[in-house]
Amino acid sequence: MAKKKRRITEEPIEEYEFKPAEFDEREFIYKDIHGTKILGVIMVFAIAFGIFGAVVCTYGPDWTWMVVSVLAFAVAFSMKKVLMKMKFRPDLLDAKSMYANYFLFLCLALGVCILFVNPPFL
């Protein structure tokens, strides 16, 4: 007996259609401008704190650099509360951006302090 030919049927290819999420341009621009304002405020605080730290380190005893460093970390950790009291909304920014702002504060404040403590400015 002859066997029947086996026909291979191809399965229908699934159609996938990409549907992008709705993009609110106005909200995106608002968050971006708000984040830039927060960054500017943090930079001003960092420079002011660095100058304050340099004055304290220059005219204080030798161990004051430790106090200034601890204060810089304390101010960085309380920056969100300070920004909220200044009527900014740090909750609009994602956590990555806020951590970057804290890191910028620490680097800029301690960098300005170190810069002003050394001989050209001493």
C-alpha atoms as a PDB file:
ATOM      1  CA  MET A   1       0.000   0.000   0.000  1.00  0.00           C
ATOM      2  CA  ALA A   2       1.165   3.458  -0.788  1.00  0.00           C
ATOM      3  CA  LYS A   3       1.449   5.945   1.969  1.00  0.00           C
ATOM      4  CA  LYS A   4      -0.296   9.234   1.718  1.00  0.00           C
ATOM      5  CA  LYS A   5       1.861  12.275   1.071  1.00  0.00           C
ATOM      6  CA  ARG A   6       2.323  14.221   4.205  1.00  0.00           C
ATOM      7  CA  ARG A   7       1.701  17.869   3.644  1.00  0.00           C
ATOM      8  CA  ILE A   8       3.495  20.356   5.819  1.00  0.00           C
ATOM      9  CA  THR A   9       1.381  23.329   6.611  1.00  0.00           C
ATOM     10  CA  GLU A  10       3.085  26.484   7.676  1.00  0.00           C
ATOM     11  CA  GLU A  11       1.790  28.146  10.748  1.00  0.00           C
ATOM     12  CA  PRO A  12       0.551  31.644  10.172  1.00  0.00           C
ATOM     13  CA  ILE A  13       3.096  34.295  11.161  1.00  0.00           C
ATOM     14  CA  GLU A  14       1.947  36.438  14.034  1.00  0.00           C
ATOM     15  CA  GLU A  15       1.639  40.061  13.156  1.00  0.00           C
ATOM     16  CA  TYR A  16       3.190  42.299  15.768  1.00  0.00           C
ATOM     17  CA  GLU A  17       2.455  45.959  15.653  1.00  0.00           C
ATOM     18  CA  PHE A  18       4.537  48.359  17.734  1.00  0.00           C
ATOM     19  CA  LYS A  19       2.426  50.901  19.531  1.00  0.00           C
ATOM     20  CA  PRO A  20       4.527  53.603  21.175  1.00  0.00           C
ATOM     21  CA  ALA A  21       3.347  54.994  24.463  1.00  0.00           C
ATOM     22  CA  GLU A  22       1.772  58.388  24.462  1.00  0.00           C
ATOM     23  CA  PHE A  23       4.362  61.132  24.845  1.00  0.00           C
ATOM     24  CA  ASP A  24       3.441  64.256  26.734  1.00  0.00           C
ATOM     25  CA  GLU A  25       5.903  66.856  25.505  1.00  0.00           C
ATOM     26  CA  ARG A  26       4.727  69.531  27.913  1.00  0.00           C
ATOM     27  CA  GLU A  27       5.285  67.297  30.960  1.00  0.00           C
ATOM     28  CA  PHE A  28       8.699  66.227  29.657  1.00  0.00           C
ATOM     29  CA  ILE A  29       9.826  69.839  29.209  1.00  0.00           C
ATOM     30  CA  TYR A  30       8.424  70.782  32.640  1.00  0.00           C
ATOM     31  CA  LYS A  31      10.343  67.975  34.364  1.00  0.00           C
ATOM     32  CA  ASP A  32      13.520  68.831  32.467  1.00  0.00           C
ATOM     33  CA  ILE A  33      13.371  72.529  33.390  1.00  0.00           C
ATOM     34  CA  HIS A  34      12.515  71.652  36.984  1.00  0.00           C
ATOM     35  CA  GLY A  35      15.484  69.281  37.181  1.00  0.00           C
ATOM     36  CA  THR A  36      17.769  71.988  35.809  1.00  0.00           C
ATOM     37  CA  LYS A  37      16.547  74.465  38.436  1.00  0.00           C
ATOM     38  CA  ILE A  38      17.207  71.937  41.198  1.00  0.00           C
ATOM     39  CA  LEU A  39      20.684  71.311  39.797  1.00  0.00           C
ATOM     40  CA  GLY A  40      21.404  75.062  39.815  1.00  0.00           C
ATOM     41  CA  VAL A  41      20.235  75.447  43.409  1.00  0.00           C
ATOM     42  CA  ILE A  42      22.359  72.499  44.507  1.00  0.00           C
ATOM     43  CA  MET A  43      25.409  73.981  42.755  1.00  0.00           C
ATOM     44  CA  VAL A  44      24.919  77.325  44.510  1.00  0.00           C
ATOM     45  CA  PHE A  45      24.566  75.543  47.879  1.00  0.00           C
ATOM     46  CA  ALA A  46      27.695  73.503  47.181  1.00  0.00           C
ATOM     47  CA  ILE A  47      29.817  76.535  46.320  1.00  0.00           C
ATOM     48  CA  ALA A  48      28.550  78.441  49.375  1.00  0.00           C
ATOM     49  CA  PHE A  49      29.188  75.434  51.616  1.00  0.00           C
ATOM     50  CA  GLY A  50      32.672  75.001  50.120  1.00  0.00           C
ATOM     51  CA  ILE A  51      33.576  78.616  50.866  1.00  0.00           C
ATOM     52  CA  PHE A  52      32.159  78.270  54.384  1.00  0.00           C
ATOM     53  CA  GLY A  53      34.160  75.083  54.891  1.00  0.00           C
ATOM     54  CA  ALA A  54      37.354  76.738  53.634  1.00  0.00           C
ATOM     55  CA  VAL A  55      36.955  79.624  56.080  1.00  0.00           C
ATOM     56  CA  VAL A  56      36.309  77.219  58.961  1.00  0.00           C
ATOM     57  CA  CYS A  57      39.290  75.024  58.007  1.00  0.00           C
ATOM     58  CA  THR A  58      41.628  78.000  57.548  1.00  0.00           C
ATOM     59  CA  TYR A  59      40.900  79.785  60.822  1.00  0.00           C
ATOM     60  CA  GLY A  60      39.998  76.786  62.987  1.00  0.00           C
ATOM     61  CA  PRO A  61      42.095  74.073  64.616  1.00  0.00           C
ATOM     62  CA  ASP A  62      43.660  71.277  62.561  1.00  0.00           C
ATOM     63  CA  TRP A  63      40.800  68.816  63.082  1.00  0.00           C
ATOM     64  CA  THR A  64      38.054  71.030  61.615  1.00  0.00           C
ATOM     65  CA  TRP A  65      38.421  69.429  58.175  1.00  0.00           C
ATOM     66  CA  MET A  66      36.755  66.317  59.639  1.00  0.00           C
ATOM     67  CA  VAL A  67      33.834  68.365  60.941  1.00  0.00           C
ATOM     68  CA  VAL A  68      33.405  70.086  57.568  1.00  0.00           C
ATOM     69  CA  SER A  69      33.448  66.726  55.766  1.00  0.00           C
ATOM     70  CA  VAL A  70      30.820  65.250  58.083  1.00  0.00           C
ATOM     71  CA  LEU A  71      28.693  68.401  57.711  1.00  0.00           C
ATOM     72  CA  ALA A  72      28.938  68.126  53.902  1.00  0.00           C
ATOM     73  CA  PHE A  73      27.589  64.582  54.042  1.00  0.00           C
ATOM     74  CA  ALA A  74      24.845  65.627  56.466  1.00  0.00           C
ATOM     75  CA  VAL A  75      23.763  68.488  54.204  1.00  0.00           C
ATOM     76  CA  ALA A  76      23.806  66.174  51.170  1.00  0.00           C
ATOM     77  CA  PHE A  77      21.569  63.649  52.943  1.00  0.00           C
ATOM     78  CA  SER A  78      19.117  66.366  54.010  1.00  0.00           C
ATOM     79  CA  MET A  79      19.078  68.117  50.626  1.00  0.00           C
ATOM     80  CA  LYS A  80      15.678  66.690  49.647  1.00  0.00           C
ATOM     81  CA  LYS A  81      14.024  68.216  52.730  1.00  0.00           C
ATOM     82  CA  VAL A  82      15.751  71.543  52.108  1.00  0.00           C
ATOM     83  CA  LEU A  83      14.551  71.589  48.510  1.00  0.00           C
ATOM     84  CA  MET A  84      10.992  70.784  49.594  1.00  0.00           C
ATOM     85  CA  LYS A  85      11.034  73.701  52.044  1.00  0.00           C
ATOM     86  CA  MET A  86      12.171  75.949  49.192  1.00  0.00           C
ATOM     87  CA  LYS A  87       9.008  74.916  47.248  1.00  0.00           C
ATOM     88  CA  PHE A  88      10.848  72.672  44.784  1.00  0.00           C
ATOM     89  CA  ARG A  89       9.501  69.223  43.987  1.00  0.00           C
ATOM     90  CA  PRO A  90      12.365  66.720  43.977  1.00  0.00           C
ATOM     91  CA  ASP A  91       9.824  63.899  43.727  1.00  0.00           C
ATOM     92  CA  LEU A  92       9.366  64.784  40.043  1.00  0.00           C
ATOM     93  CA  LEU A  93      12.912  63.618  39.340  1.00  0.00           C
ATOM     94  CA  ASP A  94      13.843  59.973  39.226  1.00  0.00           C
ATOM     95  CA  ALA A  95      16.112  58.530  41.896  1.00  0.00           C
ATOM     96  CA  LYS A  96      19.102  58.363  39.565  1.00  0.00           C
ATOM     97  CA  SER A  97      19.006  62.099  38.943  1.00  0.00           C
ATOM     98  CA  MET A  98      18.723  62.900  42.632  1.00  0.00           C
ATOM     99  CA  TYR A  99      21.646  60.619  43.504  1.00  0.00           C
ATOM    100  CA  ALA A 100      23.659  62.384  40.810  1.00  0.00           C
ATOM    101  CA  ASN A 101      22.712  65.743  42.350  1.00  0.00           C
ATOM    102  CA  TYR A 102      23.817  64.565  45.817  1.00  0.00           C
ATOM    103  CA  PHE A 103      27.116  63.325  44.406  1.00  0.00           C
ATOM    104  CA  LEU A 104      27.609  66.635  42.589  1.00  0.00           C
ATOM    105  CA  PHE A 105      27.004  68.515  45.845  1.00  0.00           C
ATOM    106  CA  LEU A 106      29.601  66.468  47.708  1.00  0.00           C
ATOM    107  CA  CYS A 107      32.239  66.739  44.980  1.00  0.00           C
ATOM    108  CA  LEU A 108      31.706  70.440  44.378  1.00  0.00           C
ATOM    109  CA  ALA A 109      31.498  71.441  48.065  1.00  0.00           C
ATOM    110  CA  LEU A 110      34.549  69.487  49.134  1.00  0.00           C
ATOM    111  CA  GLY A 111      36.434  70.470  45.966  1.00  0.00           C
ATOM    112  CA  VAL A 112      35.832  74.193  46.516  1.00  0.00           C
ATOM    113  CA  CYS A 113      36.820  73.784  50.169  1.00  0.00           C
ATOM    114  CA  ILE A 114      40.095  72.065  49.224  1.00  0.00           C
ATOM    115  CA  LEU A 115      40.770  74.653  46.524  1.00  0.00           C
ATOM    116  CA  PHE A 116      40.358  77.631  48.860  1.00  0.00           C
ATOM    117  CA  VAL A 117      42.333  76.079  51.718  1.00  0.00           C
ATOM    118  CA  ASN A 118      45.493  75.695  49.599  1.00  0.00           C
ATOM    119  CA  PRO A 119      48.215  78.345  49.037  1.00  0.00           C
ATOM    120  CA  PRO A 120      47.012  80.559  46.167  1.00  0.00           C
ATOM    121  CA  PHE A 121      43.925  81.490  48.163  1.00  0.00           C
ATOM    122  CA  LEU A 122      45.309  81.076  51.659  1.00  0.00           C
END
